[in-house]
Amino acid sequence: MITNNSIIIGLSGCTKLVDLISQQTKIPKAKILINRFADGEIFIKICESVRGKHVYVIQSTCPPVNENLMELLITIDILKRSSVKLITVICPYYGYARQDRLLSKNESLTAKLVTNLLEKSGADNVYLLDPHSNQIQGFFNIPNEIVSGIHFLIKEIKKKNNFKDFVIVSPDYGSVKRIKSLSETYKIPMLIINKNRPKPNVVEIVDILGANIKNKNCLIIDDMIDTGGTIITACKTLKKMGCKKIIVGCVHGILSANAVEKFNLAYKNKIIDQLFISNSINSIYTKKIKNLHIVDISPCLSKNIFN
């Protein structure tokens, strides 16, 4: 809850988003100093008193993942030692969420490890925006909540597109529950693509189930895009099946490796017509993709967290 004693600390992973949230909620940002020692160690100092305040720490643990995670942990530790009233952590993008299960022996349950680190450093409660796996909620022993920006994203897409003759597409079975809900809400037929991932960042289409998309338009919605392999492979398959226009939307645009080049090539070859990505990750503003529309997710976060 917003009070006169509330203050925001914004870290490196989502500085633009933090500015927008601060403007909308009228909560001031604390002045902080972030430096690096010659060996790469992170030094952080909060340059004003936060004693007795409810502090909102906003950080996306996006690439560079480990540095942004350490920034977050160090900041929480500083606050815990500064006699603050409450520490609320907001992760617009929550890294390590894909490592939420043990697929074989001798692996780390890293998503659980990160929740432990947040708790041990001193977080009182946590908000996550569309994490890759909702079961992460169960890894926390402190109050936590998932905020979904998917509907907000689709409403922004709908402002620029008429959903007539559209089919909504799930790029994998992991997204089926989400896409089914969207299909029912927006009265759009759905299609499911089943993929196989023989190794990390390698995708193979196994089979397709659902609506006929010949001469239809397709809307592919996912929580995140990393290298772009899953989405672009799916789009190529849809084009071969006879669909017309393809619109892609996701909340988190990591766009690592050569993802930017892939999407520009897909646009040039008329594989993808439009790409909508939220500003949950700061680096989205530096991605030069011709058909990219950046969706400001701050109104969604401000409405669902700061009330």
C-alpha atoms as a PDB file:
ATOM      1  CA  MET A   1       0.000   0.000   0.000  1.00  0.00           C
ATOM      2  CA  ILE A   2       1.281   3.452  -0.914  1.00  0.00           C
ATOM      3  CA  THR A   3       2.000   5.749   2.038  1.00  0.00           C
ATOM      4  CA  ASN A   4       4.058   8.873   2.590  1.00  0.00           C
ATOM      5  CA  ASN A   5       6.692   6.503   3.909  1.00  0.00           C
ATOM      6  CA  SER A   6       6.994   4.602   0.620  1.00  0.00           C
ATOM      7  CA  ILE A   7      10.035   4.843  -1.635  1.00  0.00           C
ATOM      8  CA  ILE A   8      11.255   3.066  -4.766  1.00  0.00           C
ATOM      9  CA  ILE A   9      14.733   1.747  -5.475  1.00  0.00           C
ATOM     10  CA  GLY A  10      15.265   0.991  -9.149  1.00  0.00           C
ATOM     11  CA  LEU A  11      18.174  -1.177 -10.257  1.00  0.00           C
ATOM     12  CA  SER A  12      19.924  -1.706 -13.571  1.00  0.00           C
ATOM     13  CA  GLY A  13      17.671  -4.305 -15.229  1.00  0.00           C
ATOM     14  CA  CYS A  14      14.631  -2.073 -15.797  1.00  0.00           C
ATOM     15  CA  THR A  15      15.514   1.604 -15.210  1.00  0.00           C
ATOM     16  CA  LYS A  16      13.082   2.994 -17.805  1.00  0.00           C
ATOM     17  CA  LEU A  17      10.214   0.958 -16.381  1.00  0.00           C
ATOM     18  CA  VAL A  18      11.065   2.153 -12.859  1.00  0.00           C
ATOM     19  CA  ASP A  19      10.921   5.791 -13.992  1.00  0.00           C
ATOM     20  CA  LEU A  20       7.467   5.228 -15.477  1.00  0.00           C
ATOM     21  CA  ILE A  21       6.169   3.456 -12.347  1.00  0.00           C
ATOM     22  CA  SER A  22       7.504   6.242 -10.135  1.00  0.00           C
ATOM     23  CA  GLN A  23       5.746   8.861 -12.289  1.00  0.00           C
ATOM     24  CA  GLN A  24       2.425   7.014 -12.234  1.00  0.00           C
ATOM     25  CA  THR A  25       2.384   6.111  -8.536  1.00  0.00           C
ATOM     26  CA  LYS A  26       3.921   9.414  -7.363  1.00  0.00           C
ATOM     27  CA  ILE A  27       6.335   7.399  -5.208  1.00  0.00           C
ATOM     28  CA  PRO A  28       9.801   9.005  -5.203  1.00  0.00           C
ATOM     29  CA  LYS A  29      12.915   7.105  -6.226  1.00  0.00           C
ATOM     30  CA  ALA A  30      15.767   6.819  -3.735  1.00  0.00           C
ATOM     31  CA  LYS A  31      19.159   8.044  -4.878  1.00  0.00           C
ATOM     32  CA  ILE A  32      21.576   5.141  -5.144  1.00  0.00           C
ATOM     33  CA  LEU A  33      25.149   4.653  -6.276  1.00  0.00           C
ATOM     34  CA  ILE A  34      26.183   1.479  -8.161  1.00  0.00           C
ATOM     35  CA  ASN A  35      29.856   0.947  -8.933  1.00  0.00           C
ATOM     36  CA  ARG A  36      32.171  -1.901  -9.844  1.00  0.00           C
ATOM     37  CA  PHE A  37      35.556  -2.677  -8.344  1.00  0.00           C
ATOM     38  CA  ALA A  38      38.363  -3.491 -10.765  1.00  0.00           C
ATOM     39  CA  ASP A  39      37.798  -7.214 -10.222  1.00  0.00           C
ATOM     40  CA  GLY A  40      34.093  -6.924 -11.047  1.00  0.00           C
ATOM     41  CA  GLU A  41      32.683  -6.882  -7.515  1.00  0.00           C
ATOM     42  CA  ILE A  42      29.537  -4.785  -7.154  1.00  0.00           C
ATOM     43  CA  PHE A  43      29.385  -1.861  -4.728  1.00  0.00           C
ATOM     44  CA  ILE A  44      26.038  -0.249  -3.913  1.00  0.00           C
ATOM     45  CA  LYS A  45      25.227   2.649  -1.611  1.00  0.00           C
ATOM     46  CA  ILE A  46      21.817   4.150  -0.864  1.00  0.00           C
ATOM     47  CA  CYS A  47      22.450   7.886  -0.680  1.00  0.00           C
ATOM     48  CA  GLU A  48      19.592   8.867   1.647  1.00  0.00           C
ATOM     49  CA  SER A  49      17.873   7.645   4.791  1.00  0.00           C
ATOM     50  CA  VAL A  50      15.359   4.826   4.348  1.00  0.00           C
ATOM     51  CA  ARG A  51      14.779   4.172   8.065  1.00  0.00           C
ATOM     52  CA  GLY A  52      11.171   3.207   8.791  1.00  0.00           C
ATOM     53  CA  LYS A  53      10.141   3.273   5.127  1.00  0.00           C
ATOM     54  CA  HIS A  54       8.312   0.757   2.984  1.00  0.00           C
ATOM     55  CA  VAL A  55      10.854   0.210   0.216  1.00  0.00           C
ATOM     56  CA  TYR A  56       9.918  -1.187  -3.202  1.00  0.00           C
ATOM     57  CA  VAL A  57      12.987  -2.693  -4.879  1.00  0.00           C
ATOM     58  CA  ILE A  58      12.411  -3.124  -8.620  1.00  0.00           C
ATOM     59  CA  GLN A  59      14.817  -5.263 -10.603  1.00  0.00           C
ATOM     60  CA  SER A  60      14.642  -7.531 -13.644  1.00  0.00           C
ATOM     61  CA  THR A  61      17.167 -10.341 -13.291  1.00  0.00           C
ATOM     62  CA  CYS A  62      17.804 -10.339 -17.037  1.00  0.00           C
ATOM     63  CA  PRO A  63      21.168 -10.479 -18.862  1.00  0.00           C
ATOM     64  CA  PRO A  64      23.678 -10.003 -17.387  1.00  0.00           C
ATOM     65  CA  VAL A  65      21.645 -12.325 -15.159  1.00  0.00           C
ATOM     66  CA  ASN A  66      24.111 -12.948 -12.362  1.00  0.00           C
ATOM     67  CA  GLU A  67      25.160  -9.308 -12.041  1.00  0.00           C
ATOM     68  CA  ASN A  68      21.569  -8.132 -11.887  1.00  0.00           C
ATOM     69  CA  LEU A  69      20.729 -10.828  -9.353  1.00  0.00           C
ATOM     70  CA  MET A  70      23.680  -9.785  -7.172  1.00  0.00           C
ATOM     71  CA  GLU A  71      22.600  -6.124  -7.418  1.00  0.00           C
ATOM     72  CA  LEU A  72      19.203  -7.180  -6.096  1.00  0.00           C
ATOM     73  CA  LEU A  73      20.564  -9.304  -3.242  1.00  0.00           C
ATOM     74  CA  ILE A  74      23.065  -6.656  -2.157  1.00  0.00           C
ATOM     75  CA  THR A  75      20.374  -3.952  -2.168  1.00  0.00           C
ATOM     76  CA  ILE A  76      18.016  -6.066  -0.050  1.00  0.00           C
ATOM     77  CA  ASP A  77      20.852  -6.745   2.410  1.00  0.00           C
ATOM     78  CA  ILE A  78      21.591  -3.005   2.696  1.00  0.00           C
ATOM     79  CA  LEU A  79      17.928  -2.278   3.387  1.00  0.00           C
ATOM     80  CA  LYS A  80      17.688  -5.025   6.013  1.00  0.00           C
ATOM     81  CA  ARG A  81      20.622  -3.402   7.830  1.00  0.00           C
ATOM     82  CA  SER A  82      19.053   0.069   7.533  1.00  0.00           C
ATOM     83  CA  SER A  83      15.983  -0.475   9.756  1.00  0.00           C
ATOM     84  CA  VAL A  84      13.404  -0.192   6.993  1.00  0.00           C
ATOM     85  CA  LYS A  85       9.786  -1.044   7.768  1.00  0.00           C
ATOM     86  CA  LEU A  86       9.132  -3.399   4.846  1.00  0.00           C
ATOM     87  CA  ILE A  87      11.006  -4.646   1.777  1.00  0.00           C
ATOM     88  CA  THR A  88       8.842  -5.438  -1.244  1.00  0.00           C
ATOM     89  CA  VAL A  89      10.734  -6.930  -4.191  1.00  0.00           C
ATOM     90  CA  ILE A  90       9.244  -6.533  -7.666  1.00  0.00           C
ATOM     91  CA  CYS A  91      10.793  -8.636 -10.441  1.00  0.00           C
ATOM     92  CA  PRO A  92       9.317  -7.595 -13.799  1.00  0.00           C
ATOM     93  CA  TYR A  93      11.452 -10.361 -15.274  1.00  0.00           C
ATOM     94  CA  TYR A  94      12.488 -13.256 -13.021  1.00  0.00           C
ATOM     95  CA  GLY A  95      15.603 -15.058 -14.242  1.00  0.00           C
ATOM     96  CA  TYR A  96      16.313 -18.749 -13.611  1.00  0.00           C
ATOM     97  CA  ALA A  97      12.569 -19.486 -13.772  1.00  0.00           C
ATOM     98  CA  ARG A  98      13.139 -22.132 -16.456  1.00  0.00           C
ATOM     99  CA  GLN A  99      15.153 -24.249 -14.014  1.00  0.00           C
ATOM    100  CA  ASP A 100      12.099 -25.123 -11.934  1.00  0.00           C
ATOM    101  CA  ARG A 101      12.300 -28.926 -12.083  1.00  0.00           C
ATOM    102  CA  LEU A 102      14.838 -31.733 -12.039  1.00  0.00           C
ATOM    103  CA  LEU A 103      14.921 -33.488 -15.396  1.00  0.00           C
ATOM    104  CA  SER A 104      17.723 -35.875 -14.438  1.00  0.00           C
ATOM    105  CA  LYS A 105      20.152 -36.630 -11.641  1.00  0.00           C
ATOM    106  CA  ASN A 106      22.888 -34.241 -10.550  1.00  0.00           C
ATOM    107  CA  GLU A 107      21.067 -31.033 -11.523  1.00  0.00           C
ATOM    108  CA  SER A 108      20.284 -27.923  -9.504  1.00  0.00           C
ATOM    109  CA  LEU A 109      16.755 -26.726  -8.767  1.00  0.00           C
ATOM    110  CA  THR A 110      18.025 -23.222  -9.444  1.00  0.00           C
ATOM    111  CA  ALA A 111      14.631 -21.501  -9.392  1.00  0.00           C
ATOM    112  CA  LYS A 112      14.240 -22.668  -5.784  1.00  0.00           C
ATOM    113  CA  LEU A 113      17.807 -21.615  -4.961  1.00  0.00           C
ATOM    114  CA  VAL A 114      17.072 -18.048  -6.107  1.00  0.00           C
ATOM    115  CA  THR A 115      13.911 -17.857  -3.977  1.00  0.00           C
ATOM    116  CA  ASN A 116      16.017 -18.985  -1.004  1.00  0.00           C
ATOM    117  CA  LEU A 117      18.560 -16.247  -1.707  1.00  0.00           C
ATOM    118  CA  LEU A 118      15.854 -13.570  -1.826  1.00  0.00           C
ATOM    119  CA  GLU A 119      14.404 -14.765   1.470  1.00  0.00           C
ATOM    120  CA  LYS A 120      17.759 -15.069   3.234  1.00  0.00           C
ATOM    121  CA  SER A 121      18.870 -11.624   2.092  1.00  0.00           C
ATOM    122  CA  GLY A 122      15.805 -10.134   3.776  1.00  0.00           C
ATOM    123  CA  ALA A 123      12.886  -9.681   1.330  1.00  0.00           C
ATOM    124  CA  ASP A 124       9.515  -9.492   3.090  1.00  0.00           C
ATOM    125  CA  ASN A 125       7.341 -10.113   0.038  1.00  0.00           C
ATOM    126  CA  VAL A 126       7.814 -10.567  -3.697  1.00  0.00           C
ATOM    127  CA  TYR A 127       5.876  -9.773  -6.869  1.00  0.00           C
ATOM    128  CA  LEU A 128       6.690 -11.540 -10.146  1.00  0.00           C
ATOM    129  CA  LEU A 129       5.426 -10.495 -13.579  1.00  0.00           C
ATOM    130  CA  ASP A 130       4.512 -13.529 -15.693  1.00  0.00           C
ATOM    131  CA  PRO A 131       7.314 -15.863 -14.581  1.00  0.00           C
ATOM    132  CA  HIS A 132       8.048 -18.719 -16.954  1.00  0.00           C
ATOM    133  CA  SER A 133       6.682 -21.182 -14.391  1.00  0.00           C
ATOM    134  CA  ASN A 134       3.899 -20.368 -11.928  1.00  0.00           C
ATOM    135  CA  GLN A 135       4.996 -23.184  -9.633  1.00  0.00           C
ATOM    136  CA  ILE A 136       7.764 -20.843  -8.438  1.00  0.00           C
ATOM    137  CA  GLN A 137       5.144 -19.409  -6.093  1.00  0.00           C
ATOM    138  CA  GLY A 138       5.370 -22.621  -4.097  1.00  0.00           C
ATOM    139  CA  PHE A 139       9.136 -22.269  -3.699  1.00  0.00           C
ATOM    140  CA  PHE A 140       8.753 -19.150  -1.529  1.00  0.00           C
ATOM    141  CA  ASN A 141       8.201 -19.224   2.223  1.00  0.00           C
ATOM    142  CA  ILE A 142       7.311 -15.516   2.262  1.00  0.00           C
ATOM    143  CA  PRO A 143       4.214 -13.788   0.806  1.00  0.00           C
ATOM    144  CA  ASN A 144       4.417 -13.591  -2.971  1.00  0.00           C
ATOM    145  CA  GLU A 145       2.135 -12.855  -5.869  1.00  0.00           C
ATOM    146  CA  ILE A 146       2.166 -13.262  -9.636  1.00  0.00           C
ATOM    147  CA  VAL A 147       0.973 -10.336 -11.734  1.00  0.00           C
ATOM    148  CA  SER A 148      -0.068 -11.173 -15.291  1.00  0.00           C
ATOM    149  CA  GLY A 149       0.509  -8.697 -18.102  1.00  0.00           C
ATOM    150  CA  ILE A 150      -0.728 -10.989 -20.885  1.00  0.00           C
ATOM    151  CA  HIS A 151      -4.225  -9.462 -21.123  1.00  0.00           C
ATOM    152  CA  PHE A 152      -2.729  -5.965 -21.009  1.00  0.00           C
ATOM    153  CA  LEU A 153      -0.386  -6.941 -23.853  1.00  0.00           C
ATOM    154  CA  ILE A 154      -3.214  -8.341 -25.974  1.00  0.00           C
ATOM    155  CA  LYS A 155      -5.338  -5.221 -25.448  1.00  0.00           C
ATOM    156  CA  GLU A 156      -2.444  -3.153 -26.800  1.00  0.00           C
ATOM    157  CA  ILE A 157      -2.129  -5.489 -29.787  1.00  0.00           C
ATOM    158  CA  LYS A 158      -5.883  -5.266 -30.404  1.00  0.00           C
ATOM    159  CA  LYS A 159      -5.684  -1.457 -30.571  1.00  0.00           C
ATOM    160  CA  LYS A 160      -3.567  -1.819 -33.717  1.00  0.00           C
ATOM    161  CA  ASN A 161      -5.298  -4.870 -35.206  1.00  0.00           C
ATOM    162  CA  ASN A 162      -8.803  -6.082 -35.917  1.00  0.00           C
ATOM    163  CA  PHE A 163      -9.053  -9.632 -34.541  1.00  0.00           C
ATOM    164  CA  LYS A 164     -11.363 -10.716 -37.358  1.00  0.00           C
ATOM    165  CA  ASP A 165     -10.286 -14.037 -38.947  1.00  0.00           C
ATOM    166  CA  PHE A 166      -7.647 -14.576 -36.247  1.00  0.00           C
ATOM    167  CA  VAL A 167      -6.471 -17.802 -34.629  1.00  0.00           C
ATOM    168  CA  ILE A 168      -4.545 -17.641 -31.354  1.00  0.00           C
ATOM    169  CA  VAL A 169      -1.567 -19.991 -31.250  1.00  0.00           C
ATOM    170  CA  SER A 170       0.177 -21.717 -28.372  1.00  0.00           C
ATOM    171  CA  PRO A 171       3.856 -22.146 -29.386  1.00  0.00           C
ATOM    172  CA  ASP A 172       4.202 -25.211 -27.112  1.00  0.00           C
ATOM    173  CA  TYR A 173       2.217 -27.382 -24.692  1.00  0.00           C
ATOM    174  CA  GLY A 174       3.540 -25.375 -21.750  1.00  0.00           C
ATOM    175  CA  SER A 175       1.444 -22.408 -22.872  1.00  0.00           C
ATOM    176  CA  VAL A 176      -1.796 -24.306 -23.548  1.00  0.00           C
ATOM    177  CA  LYS A 177      -3.577 -23.321 -20.327  1.00  0.00           C
ATOM    178  CA  ARG A 178      -2.804 -19.635 -20.904  1.00  0.00           C
ATOM    179  CA  ILE A 179      -3.827 -19.724 -24.583  1.00  0.00           C
ATOM    180  CA  LYS A 180      -7.040 -21.632 -23.841  1.00  0.00           C
ATOM    181  CA  SER A 181      -8.053 -18.924 -21.378  1.00  0.00           C
ATOM    182  CA  LEU A 182      -7.268 -16.190 -23.919  1.00  0.00           C
ATOM    183  CA  SER A 183      -9.161 -18.068 -26.636  1.00  0.00           C
ATOM    184  CA  GLU A 184     -12.267 -18.173 -24.439  1.00  0.00           C
ATOM    185  CA  THR A 185     -11.933 -14.529 -23.350  1.00  0.00           C
ATOM    186  CA  TYR A 186     -11.496 -13.060 -26.824  1.00  0.00           C
ATOM    187  CA  LYS A 187     -13.657 -15.630 -28.652  1.00  0.00           C
ATOM    188  CA  ILE A 188     -10.795 -16.625 -30.966  1.00  0.00           C
ATOM    189  CA  PRO A 189     -10.205 -20.246 -32.062  1.00  0.00           C
ATOM    190  CA  MET A 190      -6.918 -21.762 -30.915  1.00  0.00           C
ATOM    191  CA  LEU A 191      -4.148 -23.929 -32.303  1.00  0.00           C
ATOM    192  CA  ILE A 192      -1.428 -25.806 -30.388  1.00  0.00           C
ATOM    193  CA  ILE A 193       2.091 -26.477 -31.648  1.00  0.00           C
ATOM    194  CA  ASN A 194       3.910 -29.345 -29.974  1.00  0.00           C
ATOM    195  CA  LYS A 195       7.673 -28.919 -30.022  1.00  0.00           C
ATOM    196  CA  ASN A 196      10.627 -31.041 -28.996  1.00  0.00           C
ATOM    197  CA  ARG A 197      13.812 -29.540 -27.593  1.00  0.00           C
ATOM    198  CA  PRO A 198      16.628 -32.074 -28.118  1.00  0.00           C
ATOM    199  CA  LYS A 199      19.063 -29.667 -26.426  1.00  0.00           C
ATOM    200  CA  PRO A 200      18.946 -26.097 -25.047  1.00  0.00           C
ATOM    201  CA  ASN A 201      17.913 -23.467 -27.646  1.00  0.00           C
ATOM    202  CA  VAL A 202      17.276 -26.115 -30.345  1.00  0.00           C
ATOM    203  CA  VAL A 203      13.642 -26.616 -31.413  1.00  0.00           C
ATOM    204  CA  GLU A 204      11.852 -29.240 -33.522  1.00  0.00           C
ATOM    205  CA  ILE A 205       8.114 -29.166 -34.368  1.00  0.00           C
ATOM    206  CA  VAL A 206       6.541 -32.553 -33.581  1.00  0.00           C
ATOM    207  CA  ASP A 207       2.840 -32.051 -34.360  1.00  0.00           C
ATOM    208  CA  ILE A 208       0.036 -29.449 -34.585  1.00  0.00           C
ATOM    209  CA  LEU A 209      -3.469 -29.625 -33.128  1.00  0.00           C
ATOM    210  CA  GLY A 210      -6.448 -27.285 -33.454  1.00  0.00           C
ATOM    211  CA  ALA A 211      -8.111 -24.792 -35.773  1.00  0.00           C
ATOM    212  CA  ASN A 212      -7.618 -24.599 -39.525  1.00  0.00           C
ATOM    213  CA  ILE A 213      -5.433 -21.546 -40.256  1.00  0.00           C
ATOM    214  CA  LYS A 214      -5.479 -21.491 -44.058  1.00  0.00           C
ATOM    215  CA  ASN A 215      -6.163 -17.884 -45.156  1.00  0.00           C
ATOM    216  CA  LYS A 216      -6.416 -16.878 -41.477  1.00  0.00           C
ATOM    217  CA  ASN A 217      -4.314 -14.516 -39.386  1.00  0.00           C
ATOM    218  CA  CYS A 218      -2.339 -15.918 -36.449  1.00  0.00           C
ATOM    219  CA  LEU A 219      -1.607 -14.387 -33.063  1.00  0.00           C
ATOM    220  CA  ILE A 220       1.208 -16.147 -31.182  1.00  0.00           C
ATOM    221  CA  ILE A 221       1.447 -15.252 -27.494  1.00  0.00           C
ATOM    222  CA  ASP A 222       4.186 -16.380 -25.126  1.00  0.00           C
ATOM    223  CA  ASP A 223       5.569 -15.270 -21.781  1.00  0.00           C
ATOM    224  CA  MET A 224       9.126 -14.809 -23.067  1.00  0.00           C
ATOM    225  CA  ILE A 225      11.346 -14.911 -26.140  1.00  0.00           C
ATOM    226  CA  ASP A 226      14.995 -15.833 -25.618  1.00  0.00           C
ATOM    227  CA  THR A 227      16.881 -16.656 -28.832  1.00  0.00           C
ATOM    228  CA  GLY A 228      13.692 -16.611 -30.911  1.00  0.00           C
ATOM    229  CA  GLY A 229      14.121 -20.194 -32.118  1.00  0.00           C
ATOM    230  CA  THR A 230      10.747 -21.485 -30.874  1.00  0.00           C
ATOM    231  CA  ILE A 231       8.715 -18.554 -32.190  1.00  0.00           C
ATOM    232  CA  ILE A 232      10.351 -18.276 -35.606  1.00  0.00           C
ATOM    233  CA  THR A 233      10.216 -22.038 -36.200  1.00  0.00           C
ATOM    234  CA  ALA A 234       6.521 -21.941 -35.279  1.00  0.00           C
ATOM    235  CA  CYS A 235       5.904 -18.993 -37.628  1.00  0.00           C
ATOM    236  CA  LYS A 236       7.563 -20.760 -40.544  1.00  0.00           C
ATOM    237  CA  THR A 237       5.355 -23.786 -39.907  1.00  0.00           C
ATOM    238  CA  LEU A 238       2.227 -21.629 -39.805  1.00  0.00           C
ATOM    239  CA  LYS A 239       3.161 -19.947 -43.102  1.00  0.00           C
ATOM    240  CA  LYS A 240       3.596 -23.354 -44.729  1.00  0.00           C
ATOM    241  CA  MET A 241       0.074 -24.209 -43.530  1.00  0.00           C
ATOM    242  CA  GLY A 242      -1.317 -21.230 -45.439  1.00  0.00           C
ATOM    243  CA  CYS A 243      -1.869 -18.529 -42.833  1.00  0.00           C
ATOM    244  CA  LYS A 244      -1.746 -14.863 -43.916  1.00  0.00           C
ATOM    245  CA  LYS A 245      -0.566 -12.381 -41.315  1.00  0.00           C
ATOM    246  CA  ILE A 246       1.379 -13.412 -38.176  1.00  0.00           C
ATOM    247  CA  ILE A 247       1.546 -11.230 -35.062  1.00  0.00           C
ATOM    248  CA  VAL A 248       3.812 -12.245 -32.194  1.00  0.00           C
ATOM    249  CA  GLY A 249       3.476 -10.937 -28.643  1.00  0.00           C
ATOM    250  CA  CYS A 250       5.403 -11.662 -25.468  1.00  0.00           C
ATOM    251  CA  VAL A 251       5.893 -10.056 -22.071  1.00  0.00           C
ATOM    252  CA  HIS A 252       9.640 -10.602 -21.731  1.00  0.00           C
ATOM    253  CA  GLY A 253      11.955  -9.966 -24.671  1.00  0.00           C
ATOM    254  CA  ILE A 254      15.354 -11.317 -23.690  1.00  0.00           C
ATOM    255  CA  LEU A 255      16.403 -11.554 -27.356  1.00  0.00           C
ATOM    256  CA  SER A 256      19.797 -13.093 -26.664  1.00  0.00           C
ATOM    257  CA  ALA A 257      22.429 -14.411 -29.086  1.00  0.00           C
ATOM    258  CA  ASN A 258      21.451 -13.444 -32.672  1.00  0.00           C
ATOM    259  CA  ALA A 259      17.707 -13.081 -31.989  1.00  0.00           C
ATOM    260  CA  VAL A 260      17.565  -9.526 -33.402  1.00  0.00           C
ATOM    261  CA  GLU A 261      19.052 -10.683 -36.705  1.00  0.00           C
ATOM    262  CA  LYS A 262      16.616 -13.621 -36.807  1.00  0.00           C
ATOM    263  CA  PHE A 263      13.576 -11.395 -36.346  1.00  0.00           C
ATOM    264  CA  ASN A 264      14.750  -8.827 -38.892  1.00  0.00           C
ATOM    265  CA  LEU A 265      15.269 -11.633 -41.405  1.00  0.00           C
ATOM    266  CA  ALA A 266      11.842 -13.086 -40.579  1.00  0.00           C
ATOM    267  CA  TYR A 267      10.288  -9.664 -41.175  1.00  0.00           C
ATOM    268  CA  LYS A 268      12.182  -9.252 -44.454  1.00  0.00           C
ATOM    269  CA  ASN A 269      11.004 -12.689 -45.612  1.00  0.00           C
ATOM    270  CA  LYS A 270       7.409 -11.888 -44.544  1.00  0.00           C
ATOM    271  CA  ILE A 271       7.375 -14.635 -41.916  1.00  0.00           C
ATOM    272  CA  ILE A 272       6.416 -12.255 -39.060  1.00  0.00           C
ATOM    273  CA  ASP A 273       4.391  -9.095 -39.641  1.00  0.00           C
ATOM    274  CA  GLN A 274       4.401  -7.481 -36.197  1.00  0.00           C
ATOM    275  CA  LEU A 275       6.232  -8.082 -32.915  1.00  0.00           C
ATOM    276  CA  PHE A 276       4.893  -6.743 -29.590  1.00  0.00           C
ATOM    277  CA  ILE A 277       7.108  -6.926 -26.476  1.00  0.00           C
ATOM    278  CA  SER A 278       6.709  -5.215 -23.104  1.00  0.00           C
ATOM    279  CA  ASN A 279       9.375  -3.076 -21.444  1.00  0.00           C
ATOM    280  CA  SER A 280       9.910  -5.484 -18.531  1.00  0.00           C
ATOM    281  CA  ILE A 281      13.584  -5.640 -19.564  1.00  0.00           C
ATOM    282  CA  ASN A 282      15.537  -2.436 -20.092  1.00  0.00           C
ATOM    283  CA  SER A 283      17.520  -3.672 -23.097  1.00  0.00           C
ATOM    284  CA  ILE A 284      14.372  -3.877 -25.249  1.00  0.00           C
ATOM    285  CA  TYR A 285      14.889  -0.180 -25.993  1.00  0.00           C
ATOM    286  CA  THR A 286      18.209  -0.977 -27.693  1.00  0.00           C
ATOM    287  CA  LYS A 287      16.905  -3.772 -29.952  1.00  0.00           C
ATOM    288  CA  LYS A 288      16.700  -2.554 -33.550  1.00  0.00           C
ATOM    289  CA  ILE A 289      13.914  -4.705 -34.947  1.00  0.00           C
ATOM    290  CA  LYS A 290      11.952  -3.122 -37.794  1.00  0.00           C
ATOM    291  CA  ASN A 291       8.515  -4.420 -36.846  1.00  0.00           C
ATOM    292  CA  LEU A 292       8.926  -4.117 -33.049  1.00  0.00           C
ATOM    293  CA  HIS A 293       6.266  -2.398 -30.945  1.00  0.00           C
ATOM    294  CA  ILE A 294       7.323  -1.776 -27.320  1.00  0.00           C
ATOM    295  CA  VAL A 295       4.372  -2.033 -24.937  1.00  0.00           C
ATOM    296  CA  ASP A 296       4.684  -0.062 -21.706  1.00  0.00           C
ATOM    297  CA  ILE A 297       3.721  -2.501 -18.937  1.00  0.00           C
ATOM    298  CA  SER A 298       4.017   0.068 -16.114  1.00  0.00           C
ATOM    299  CA  PRO A 299       0.242   0.822 -15.937  1.00  0.00           C
ATOM    300  CA  CYS A 300      -0.417  -2.878 -15.361  1.00  0.00           C
ATOM    301  CA  LEU A 301       2.163  -3.093 -12.554  1.00  0.00           C
ATOM    302  CA  SER A 302       1.099   0.196 -10.985  1.00  0.00           C
ATOM    303  CA  LYS A 303      -2.555  -0.887 -10.904  1.00  0.00           C
ATOM    304  CA  ASN A 304      -1.965  -4.415  -9.561  1.00  0.00           C
ATOM    305  CA  ILE A 305       0.792  -3.731  -6.995  1.00  0.00           C
ATOM    306  CA  PHE A 306       0.607  -0.120  -5.809  1.00  0.00           C
ATOM    307  CA  ASN A 307      -2.907   0.189  -4.455  1.00  0.00           C
END
